Amino acid sequence: MYFFANPKPFFTLAKELYPGNYRPN
């Protein structure tokens, strides 16, 4: 419900977690 009203916060998180930003340990 929140995503459909305002998807911006989710995509802020997505930008941070998108594959390529971090490496396995």
PDB file of all heavy atoms in Angstrom:
ATOM      1  N   MET A   1       0.845  -1.201   0.000  1.00  0.00           N
ATOM      2  CA  MET A   1       0.000   0.000   0.000  1.00  0.00           C
ATOM      3  C   MET A   1       0.879   1.251   0.000  1.00  0.00           C
ATOM      4  O   MET A   1       0.632   2.215  -0.718  1.00  0.00           O
ATOM      5  CB  MET A   1      -0.922   0.037   1.234  1.00  0.00           C
ATOM      6  CG  MET A   1      -1.993  -1.035   1.250  1.00  0.00           C
ATOM      7  SD  MET A   1      -3.109  -0.935  -0.169  1.00  0.00           S
ATOM      8  CE  MET A   1      -4.097   0.477   0.300  1.00  0.00           C
ATOM      9  N   TYR A   2       1.916   1.195   0.824  1.00  0.00           N
ATOM     10  CA  TYR A   2       2.819   2.344   0.907  1.00  0.00           C
ATOM     11  C   TYR A   2       3.624   2.483  -0.398  1.00  0.00           C
ATOM     12  O   TYR A   2       3.812   3.586  -0.912  1.00  0.00           O
ATOM     13  CB  TYR A   2       3.760   2.197   2.106  1.00  0.00           C
ATOM     14  CG  TYR A   2       4.550   3.460   2.373  1.00  0.00           C
ATOM     15  CD1 TYR A   2       3.984   4.516   3.083  1.00  0.00           C
ATOM     16  CD2 TYR A   2       5.840   3.618   1.876  1.00  0.00           C
ATOM     17  CE1 TYR A   2       4.682   5.698   3.304  1.00  0.00           C
ATOM     18  CE2 TYR A   2       6.546   4.796   2.091  1.00  0.00           C
ATOM     19  CZ  TYR A   2       5.965   5.829   2.800  1.00  0.00           C
ATOM     20  OH  TYR A   2       6.655   7.001   2.999  1.00  0.00           O
ATOM     21  N   PHE A   3       4.066   1.352  -0.936  1.00  0.00           N
ATOM     22  CA  PHE A   3       4.858   1.353  -2.173  1.00  0.00           C
ATOM     23  C   PHE A   3       4.074   1.996  -3.319  1.00  0.00           C
ATOM     24  O   PHE A   3       4.609   2.811  -4.074  1.00  0.00           O
ATOM     25  CB  PHE A   3       5.245  -0.087  -2.525  1.00  0.00           C
ATOM     26  CG  PHE A   3       6.029  -0.212  -3.818  1.00  0.00           C
ATOM     27  CD1 PHE A   3       7.395   0.030  -3.844  1.00  0.00           C
ATOM     28  CD2 PHE A   3       5.394  -0.588  -4.994  1.00  0.00           C
ATOM     29  CE1 PHE A   3       8.124  -0.100  -5.033  1.00  0.00           C
ATOM     30  CE2 PHE A   3       6.112  -0.720  -6.188  1.00  0.00           C
ATOM     31  CZ  PHE A   3       7.479  -0.474  -6.203  1.00  0.00           C
ATOM     32  N   PHE A   4       2.793   1.630  -3.434  1.00  0.00           N
ATOM     33  CA  PHE A   4       1.991   2.186  -4.534  1.00  0.00           C
ATOM     34  C   PHE A   4       1.761   3.687  -4.336  1.00  0.00           C
ATOM     35  O   PHE A   4       1.658   4.435  -5.298  1.00  0.00           O
ATOM     36  CB  PHE A   4       0.664   1.435  -4.693  1.00  0.00           C
ATOM     37  CG  PHE A   4       0.869   0.051  -5.252  1.00  0.00           C
ATOM     38  CD1 PHE A   4       0.363  -1.077  -4.604  1.00  0.00           C
ATOM     39  CD2 PHE A   4       1.585  -0.144  -6.430  1.00  0.00           C
ATOM     40  CE1 PHE A   4       0.568  -2.355  -5.126  1.00  0.00           C
ATOM     41  CE2 PHE A   4       1.808  -1.412  -6.950  1.00  0.00           C
ATOM     42  CZ  PHE A   4       1.294  -2.520  -6.302  1.00  0.00           C
ATOM     43  N   ALA A   5       1.696   4.121  -3.076  1.00  0.00           N
ATOM     44  CA  ALA A   5       1.507   5.554  -2.801  1.00  0.00           C
ATOM     45  C   ALA A   5       2.819   6.315  -3.006  1.00  0.00           C
ATOM     46  O   ALA A   5       2.838   7.427  -3.524  1.00  0.00           O
ATOM     47  CB  ALA A   5       1.017   5.741  -1.371  1.00  0.00           C
ATOM     48  N   ASN A   6       3.935   5.666  -2.603  1.00  0.00           N
ATOM     49  CA  ASN A   6       5.237   6.333  -2.692  1.00  0.00           C
ATOM     50  C   ASN A   6       6.375   5.310  -2.804  1.00  0.00           C
ATOM     51  O   ASN A   6       6.897   4.844  -1.796  1.00  0.00           O
ATOM     52  CB  ASN A   6       5.434   7.218  -1.452  1.00  0.00           C
ATOM     53  CG  ASN A   6       6.759   7.963  -1.497  1.00  0.00           C
ATOM     54  OD1 ASN A   6       7.430   7.987  -2.530  1.00  0.00           O
ATOM     55  ND2 ASN A   6       7.137   8.559  -0.379  1.00  0.00           N
ATOM     56  N   PRO A   7       6.753   4.957  -4.042  1.00  0.00           N
ATOM     57  CA  PRO A   7       7.787   3.933  -4.217  1.00  0.00           C
ATOM     58  C   PRO A   7       9.207   4.443  -3.950  1.00  0.00           C
ATOM     59  O   PRO A   7      10.137   3.662  -3.843  1.00  0.00           O
ATOM     60  CB  PRO A   7       7.643   3.523  -5.691  1.00  0.00           C
ATOM     61  CG  PRO A   7       6.997   4.693  -6.368  1.00  0.00           C
ATOM     62  CD  PRO A   7       6.194   5.430  -5.329  1.00  0.00           C
ATOM     63  N   LYS A   8       9.380   5.762  -3.804  1.00  0.00           N
ATOM     64  CA  LYS A   8      10.718   6.357  -3.668  1.00  0.00           C
ATOM     65  C   LYS A   8      11.566   5.751  -2.526  1.00  0.00           C
ATOM     66  O   LYS A   8      12.720   5.383  -2.746  1.00  0.00           O
ATOM     67  CB  LYS A   8      10.604   7.880  -3.483  1.00  0.00           C
ATOM     68  CG  LYS A   8      10.577   8.679  -4.803  1.00  0.00           C
ATOM     69  CD  LYS A   8      11.976   8.816  -5.314  1.00  0.00           C
ATOM     70  CE  LYS A   8      12.340   9.842  -6.319  1.00  0.00           C
ATOM     71  NZ  LYS A   8      11.660  10.067  -7.515  1.00  0.00           N
ATOM     72  N   PRO A   9      11.015   5.643  -1.293  1.00  0.00           N
ATOM     73  CA  PRO A   9      11.833   5.095  -0.202  1.00  0.00           C
ATOM     74  C   PRO A   9      12.335   3.686  -0.511  1.00  0.00           C
ATOM     75  O   PRO A   9      13.494   3.365  -0.250  1.00  0.00           O
ATOM     76  CB  PRO A   9      10.886   5.077   0.998  1.00  0.00           C
ATOM     77  CG  PRO A   9       9.835   6.073   0.674  1.00  0.00           C
ATOM     78  CD  PRO A   9       9.699   6.090  -0.809  1.00  0.00           C
ATOM     79  N   PHE A  10      11.477   2.836  -1.097  1.00  0.00           N
ATOM     80  CA  PHE A  10      11.928   1.479  -1.417  1.00  0.00           C
ATOM     81  C   PHE A  10      13.090   1.523  -2.398  1.00  0.00           C
ATOM     82  O   PHE A  10      14.071   0.785  -2.256  1.00  0.00           O
ATOM     83  CB  PHE A  10      10.795   0.625  -1.994  1.00  0.00           C
ATOM     84  CG  PHE A  10      11.304  -0.710  -2.494  1.00  0.00           C
ATOM     85  CD1 PHE A  10      11.630  -1.720  -1.600  1.00  0.00           C
ATOM     86  CD2 PHE A  10      11.513  -0.932  -3.848  1.00  0.00           C
ATOM     87  CE1 PHE A  10      12.146  -2.940  -2.043  1.00  0.00           C
ATOM     88  CE2 PHE A  10      12.029  -2.141  -4.301  1.00  0.00           C
ATOM     89  CZ  PHE A  10      12.344  -3.142  -3.395  1.00  0.00           C
ATOM     90  N   PHE A  11      13.017   2.415  -3.401  1.00  0.00           N
ATOM     91  CA  PHE A  11      14.088   2.466  -4.399  1.00  0.00           C
ATOM     92  C   PHE A  11      15.368   3.108  -3.851  1.00  0.00           C
ATOM     93  O   PHE A  11      16.448   2.877  -4.372  1.00  0.00           O
ATOM     94  CB  PHE A  11      13.602   3.117  -5.700  1.00  0.00           C
ATOM     95  CG  PHE A  11      12.747   2.159  -6.499  1.00  0.00           C
ATOM     96  CD1 PHE A  11      11.369   2.336  -6.595  1.00  0.00           C
ATOM     97  CD2 PHE A  11      13.316   1.050  -7.108  1.00  0.00           C
ATOM     98  CE1 PHE A  11      10.583   1.428  -7.307  1.00  0.00           C
ATOM     99  CE2 PHE A  11      12.540   0.136  -7.818  1.00  0.00           C
ATOM    100  CZ  PHE A  11      11.176   0.323  -7.922  1.00  0.00           C
ATOM    101  N   THR A  12      15.229   3.869  -2.753  1.00  0.00           N
ATOM    102  CA  THR A  12      16.430   4.363  -2.056  1.00  0.00           C
ATOM    103  C   THR A  12      17.174   3.183  -1.448  1.00  0.00           C
ATOM    104  O   THR A  12      18.399   3.072  -1.546  1.00  0.00           O
ATOM    105  CB  THR A  12      16.025   5.359  -0.940  1.00  0.00           C
ATOM    106  OG1 THR A  12      15.291   6.421  -1.534  1.00  0.00           O
ATOM    107  CG2 THR A  12      17.238   5.926  -0.220  1.00  0.00           C
ATOM    108  N   LEU A  13      16.401   2.285  -0.835  1.00  0.00           N
ATOM    109  CA  LEU A  13      16.976   1.062  -0.268  1.00  0.00           C
ATOM    110  C   LEU A  13      17.536   0.189  -1.392  1.00  0.00           C
ATOM    111  O   LEU A  13      18.640  -0.347  -1.293  1.00  0.00           O
ATOM    112  CB  LEU A  13      15.896   0.290   0.498  1.00  0.00           C
ATOM    113  CG  LEU A  13      16.339  -1.074   1.039  1.00  0.00           C
ATOM    114  CD1 LEU A  13      17.000  -0.920   2.392  1.00  0.00           C
ATOM    115  CD2 LEU A  13      15.164  -2.029   1.161  1.00  0.00           C
ATOM    116  N   ALA A  14      16.779   0.077  -2.502  1.00  0.00           N
ATOM    117  CA  ALA A  14      17.202  -0.756  -3.632  1.00  0.00           C
ATOM    118  C   ALA A  14      18.543  -0.273  -4.178  1.00  0.00           C
ATOM    119  O   ALA A  14      19.421  -1.082  -4.491  1.00  0.00           O
ATOM    120  CB  ALA A  14      16.143  -0.728  -4.729  1.00  0.00           C
ATOM    121  N   LYS A  15      18.709   1.036  -4.268  1.00  0.00           N
ATOM    122  CA  LYS A  15      19.959   1.598  -4.808  1.00  0.00           C
ATOM    123  C   LYS A  15      21.141   1.152  -3.954  1.00  0.00           C
ATOM    124  O   LYS A  15      22.213   0.824  -4.460  1.00  0.00           O
ATOM    125  CB  LYS A  15      19.859   3.129  -4.830  1.00  0.00           C
ATOM    126  CG  LYS A  15      21.084   3.813  -5.406  1.00  0.00           C
ATOM    127  CD  LYS A  15      20.915   5.321  -5.414  1.00  0.00           C
ATOM    128  CE  LYS A  15      22.137   6.007  -5.991  1.00  0.00           C
ATOM    129  NZ  LYS A  15      21.948   7.472  -6.047  1.00  0.00           N
ATOM    130  N   GLU A  16      20.925   1.141  -2.643  1.00  0.00           N
ATOM    131  CA  GLU A  16      21.973   0.750  -1.700  1.00  0.00           C
ATOM    132  C   GLU A  16      22.297  -0.742  -1.830  1.00  0.00           C
ATOM    133  O   GLU A  16      23.457  -1.152  -1.804  1.00  0.00           O
ATOM    134  CB  GLU A  16      21.478   1.076  -0.285  1.00  0.00           C
ATOM    135  CG  GLU A  16      22.440   0.771   0.823  1.00  0.00           C
ATOM    136  CD  GLU A  16      23.621   1.727   0.899  1.00  0.00           C
ATOM    137  OE1 GLU A  16      23.422   2.954   0.766  1.00  0.00           O
ATOM    138  OE2 GLU A  16      24.742   1.227   1.087  1.00  0.00           O
ATOM    139  N   LEU A  17      21.257  -1.564  -1.986  1.00  0.00           N
ATOM    140  CA  LEU A  17      21.447  -3.024  -1.951  1.00  0.00           C
ATOM    141  C   LEU A  17      21.607  -3.656  -3.330  1.00  0.00           C
ATOM    142  O   LEU A  17      21.829  -4.851  -3.427  1.00  0.00           O
ATOM    143  CB  LEU A  17      20.255  -3.693  -1.243  1.00  0.00           C
ATOM    144  CG  LEU A  17      20.094  -3.427   0.250  1.00  0.00           C
ATOM    145  CD1 LEU A  17      18.965  -4.268   0.805  1.00  0.00           C
ATOM    146  CD2 LEU A  17      21.386  -3.712   1.009  1.00  0.00           C
ATOM    147  N   TYR A  18      21.457  -2.863  -4.385  1.00  0.00           N
ATOM    148  CA  TYR A  18      21.527  -3.440  -5.735  1.00  0.00           C
ATOM    149  C   TYR A  18      22.838  -4.190  -5.919  1.00  0.00           C
ATOM    150  O   TYR A  18      23.892  -3.736  -5.475  1.00  0.00           O
ATOM    151  CB  TYR A  18      21.398  -2.338  -6.798  1.00  0.00           C
ATOM    152  CG  TYR A  18      20.331  -2.659  -7.819  1.00  0.00           C
ATOM    153  CD1 TYR A  18      18.993  -2.664  -7.459  1.00  0.00           C
ATOM    154  CD2 TYR A  18      20.653  -2.976  -9.139  1.00  0.00           C
ATOM    155  CE1 TYR A  18      17.999  -2.969  -8.375  1.00  0.00           C
ATOM    156  CE2 TYR A  18      19.662  -3.281 -10.069  1.00  0.00           C
ATOM    157  CZ  TYR A  18      18.342  -3.272  -9.673  1.00  0.00           C
ATOM    158  OH  TYR A  18      17.364  -3.590 -10.580  1.00  0.00           O
ATOM    159  N   PRO A  19      22.779  -5.357  -6.554  1.00  0.00           N
ATOM    160  CA  PRO A  19      23.996  -6.156  -6.728  1.00  0.00           C
ATOM    161  C   PRO A  19      25.135  -5.322  -7.311  1.00  0.00           C
ATOM    162  O   PRO A  19      24.932  -4.539  -8.225  1.00  0.00           O
ATOM    163  CB  PRO A  19      23.556  -7.237  -7.713  1.00  0.00           C
ATOM    164  CG  PRO A  19      22.085  -7.367  -7.488  1.00  0.00           C
ATOM    165  CD  PRO A  19      21.593  -6.002  -7.124  1.00  0.00           C
ATOM    166  N   GLY A  20      26.319  -5.477  -6.727  1.00  0.00           N
ATOM    167  CA  GLY A  20      27.476  -4.746  -7.230  1.00  0.00           C
ATOM    168  C   GLY A  20      28.050  -3.773  -6.213  1.00  0.00           C
ATOM    169  O   GLY A  20      29.212  -3.380  -6.304  1.00  0.00           O
ATOM    170  N   ASN A  21      27.254  -3.385  -5.216  1.00  0.00           N
ATOM    171  CA  ASN A  21      27.746  -2.422  -4.220  1.00  0.00           C
ATOM    172  C   ASN A  21      28.552  -3.077  -3.096  1.00  0.00           C
ATOM    173  O   ASN A  21      29.369  -2.424  -2.457  1.00  0.00           O
ATOM    174  CB  ASN A  21      26.575  -1.659  -3.576  1.00  0.00           C
ATOM    175  CG  ASN A  21      25.940  -0.683  -4.549  1.00  0.00           C
ATOM    176  OD1 ASN A  21      26.548  -0.337  -5.558  1.00  0.00           O
ATOM    177  ND2 ASN A  21      24.730  -0.258  -4.258  1.00  0.00           N
ATOM    178  N   TYR A  22      28.279  -4.337  -2.840  1.00  0.00           N
ATOM    179  CA  TYR A  22      28.934  -5.017  -1.717  1.00  0.00           C
ATOM    180  C   TYR A  22      29.538  -6.332  -2.171  1.00  0.00           C
ATOM    181  O   TYR A  22      29.176  -6.862  -3.213  1.00  0.00           O
ATOM    182  CB  TYR A  22      27.917  -5.276  -0.588  1.00  0.00           C
ATOM    183  CG  TYR A  22      27.419  -4.000   0.034  1.00  0.00           C
ATOM    184  CD1 TYR A  22      26.241  -3.397  -0.401  1.00  0.00           C
ATOM    185  CD2 TYR A  22      28.150  -3.374   1.034  1.00  0.00           C
ATOM    186  CE1 TYR A  22      25.798  -2.206   0.147  1.00  0.00           C
ATOM    187  CE2 TYR A  22      27.721  -2.182   1.595  1.00  0.00           C
ATOM    188  CZ  TYR A  22      26.545  -1.604   1.151  1.00  0.00           C
ATOM    189  OH  TYR A  22      26.127  -0.425   1.693  1.00  0.00           O
ATOM    190  N   ARG A  23      30.449  -6.843  -1.346  1.00  0.00           N
ATOM    191  CA  ARG A  23      31.100  -8.108  -1.693  1.00  0.00           C
ATOM    192  C   ARG A  23      30.856  -9.162  -0.621  1.00  0.00           C
ATOM    193  O   ARG A  23      30.744  -8.833   0.562  1.00  0.00           O
ATOM    194  CB  ARG A  23      32.602  -7.878  -1.834  1.00  0.00           C
ATOM    195  CG  ARG A  23      32.922  -7.089  -3.099  1.00  0.00           C
ATOM    196  CD  ARG A  23      34.404  -7.065  -3.327  1.00  0.00           C
ATOM    197  NE  ARG A  23      34.706  -6.493  -4.619  1.00  0.00           N
ATOM    198  CZ  ARG A  23      35.896  -6.585  -5.198  1.00  0.00           C
ATOM    199  NH1 ARG A  23      36.876  -7.223  -4.572  1.00  0.00           N
ATOM    200  NH2 ARG A  23      36.101  -6.049  -6.375  1.00  0.00           N
ATOM    201  N   PRO A  24      30.830 -10.424  -1.040  1.00  0.00           N
ATOM    202  CA  PRO A  24      30.655 -11.508  -0.062  1.00  0.00           C
ATOM    203  C   PRO A  24      31.829 -11.536   0.915  1.00  0.00           C
ATOM    204  O   PRO A  24      32.914 -11.028   0.616  1.00  0.00           O
ATOM    205  CB  PRO A  24      30.660 -12.778  -0.928  1.00  0.00           C
ATOM    206  CG  PRO A  24      30.450 -12.315  -2.332  1.00  0.00           C
ATOM    207  CD  PRO A  24      30.970 -10.926  -2.408  1.00  0.00           C
ATOM    208  N   ASN A  25      31.618 -12.132   2.072  1.00  0.00           N
ATOM    209  CA  ASN A  25      32.677 -12.271   3.065  1.00  0.00           C
ATOM    210  C   ASN A  25      32.938 -13.752   3.353  1.00  0.00           C
ATOM    211  O   ASN A  25      32.378 -14.635   2.702  1.00  0.00           O
ATOM    212  CB  ASN A  25      32.302 -11.503   4.340  1.00  0.00           C
ATOM    213  CG  ASN A  25      31.040 -12.061   4.984  1.00  0.00           C
ATOM    214  OD1 ASN A  25      30.991 -13.225   5.398  1.00  0.00           O
ATOM    215  ND2 ASN A  25      29.989 -11.246   5.053  1.00  0.00           N
TER     216      ASN A  25
END
